[in-house]
C-alpha cells in the first residue's frame, strides 16, 4: 500500500508597516509564504504550489502578492504602492543617537 497526499507550510518572511488597503490604518502587515508539498509516506518531497500573501494585523484582511513584488518588499522594506510608515531601528553599538552625553 502506498500512502500519499499533500501538506501545507506557512513561512513568515517579514513584518512591514504599511497602510492597509481595506481599513486605511497604518498597521503592521505580515508577509507570508504559503507552500503546498506532495508527501509520500508522510515525507514532504516536492513543492506543488507557492503563493505569497500579506495580512493586516489591524483588520485581518489578507491579500495575495506576486513573487517578484514580495521579493521587492523584503529587499526594500516598503509596501506595494502603499505608504510606508517606516519602522524604528535602534542605533548600532558605537553610534551616537541624539545629544546623550552618556553614550
Protein backbone atom coordinates (compact mmCIF):
# COMPACT_ATOMS: atom_id res chain seq x y z
CA UNK A 1 0.00 0.00 0.00
CA UNK A 2 1.28 3.48 -0.93
CA UNK A 3 0.35 6.45 1.26
CA UNK A 4 0.49 9.87 -0.43
CA UNK A 5 -1.05 13.29 -0.06
CA UNK A 6 -0.28 16.99 0.40
CA UNK A 7 0.73 19.18 3.33
CA UNK A 8 0.74 22.95 3.64
CA UNK A 9 3.50 25.02 5.19
CA UNK A 10 3.46 28.73 6.13
CA UNK A 11 6.69 30.73 6.48
CA UNK A 12 6.67 34.27 7.85
CA UNK A 13 9.17 36.29 5.81
CA UNK A 14 8.85 39.82 7.21
CA UNK A 15 6.80 42.28 9.23
CA UNK A 16 6.19 45.51 7.32
CA UNK A 17 4.44 48.71 8.38
CA UNK A 18 2.02 49.63 5.59
CA UNK A 19 -1.24 51.48 5.13
CA UNK A 20 -3.95 48.82 4.77
CA UNK A 21 -5.94 48.92 1.55
CA UNK A 22 -9.05 47.67 3.36
CA UNK A 23 -9.27 49.61 6.64
CA UNK A 24 -6.92 52.52 5.77
CA UNK A 25 -4.95 52.26 9.02
CA UNK A 26 -1.15 52.30 9.16
CA UNK A 27 -0.51 48.90 10.71
CA UNK A 28 1.94 46.03 10.71
CA UNK A 29 1.47 43.54 7.88
CA UNK A 30 2.99 40.08 7.97
CA UNK A 31 4.42 38.86 4.66
CA UNK A 32 3.97 35.09 4.47
CA UNK A 33 4.94 32.38 2.02
CA UNK A 34 2.42 29.52 1.65
CA UNK A 35 3.87 26.29 0.20
CA UNK A 36 1.94 23.09 -0.57
CA UNK A 37 4.13 19.98 -0.85
CA UNK A 38 3.46 16.48 -2.17
CA UNK A 39 4.08 13.85 0.50
CA UNK A 40 4.90 10.17 0.14
CA UNK A 41 4.65 8.08 3.32
CA UNK A 42 4.28 11.37 5.27
CA UNK A 43 7.61 12.70 3.95
CA UNK A 44 7.34 16.05 2.08
CA UNK A 45 9.04 15.65 -1.30
CA UNK A 46 8.07 18.19 -3.96
CA UNK A 47 6.56 21.67 -3.73
CA UNK A 48 3.33 21.75 -5.73
CA UNK A 49 2.32 25.38 -5.30
CA UNK A 50 3.74 28.53 -3.73
CA UNK A 51 1.95 31.80 -3.01
CA UNK A 52 2.82 34.99 -1.13
CA UNK A 53 0.32 36.92 0.99
CA UNK A 54 0.25 39.95 3.27
CA UNK A 55 -2.09 40.11 6.25
CA UNK A 56 -3.07 43.27 8.12
CA UNK A 57 -2.69 42.87 11.88
CA UNK A 58 -5.37 45.51 12.50
CA UNK A 59 -8.33 44.17 10.48
CA UNK A 60 -7.05 40.72 9.42
CA UNK A 61 -7.51 41.24 5.67
CA UNK A 62 -5.23 39.08 3.54
CA UNK A 63 -4.03 39.97 0.01
CA UNK A 64 -2.15 37.83 -2.50
CA UNK A 65 1.13 39.30 -3.74
CA UNK A 66 3.16 38.22 -6.81
CA UNK A 67 6.57 36.64 -6.09
CA UNK A 68 8.64 39.47 -7.63
CA UNK A 69 6.67 42.04 -5.64
CA UNK A 70 7.17 40.05 -2.41
CA UNK A 71 10.91 39.88 -3.09
CA UNK A 72 10.95 43.65 -3.61
CA UNK A 73 9.05 44.21 -0.38
CA UNK A 74 11.63 42.19 1.53
CA UNK A 75 14.59 43.90 -0.15
CA UNK A 76 13.32 47.46 0.18
CA UNK A 77 11.16 47.13 3.27
CA UNK A 78 8.41 49.11 1.53
CA UNK A 79 4.82 48.46 0.54
CA UNK A 80 3.18 47.76 -2.81
CA UNK A 81 2.48 51.32 -3.87
CA UNK A 82 1.23 51.98 -0.36
CA UNK A 83 2.73 54.47 2.03
CA UNK A 84 5.47 53.01 4.17
CA UNK A 85 5.41 54.40 7.69
CA UNK A 86 8.89 53.11 8.48
CA UNK A 87 10.00 51.16 11.49
CA UNK A 88 12.24 52.25 14.33
CA UNK A 89 15.72 50.77 14.21
CA UNK A 90 17.84 51.30 17.34
CA UNK A 91 21.32 52.75 16.80
CA UNK A 92 24.08 50.23 16.46
CA UNK A 93 26.77 49.92 19.07
CA UNK A 94 29.30 52.73 18.89
CA UNK A 95 26.93 55.18 17.19
CA UNK A 96 25.62 58.26 18.94
CA UNK A 97 21.87 58.82 18.93
CA UNK A 98 20.99 62.45 19.68
CA UNK A 99 22.64 64.55 22.37
CA UNK A 100 23.01 61.84 25.00
CA UNK A 101 26.29 62.57 26.91
CA UNK A 102 26.33 59.06 28.42
CA UNK A 103 26.91 57.22 25.12
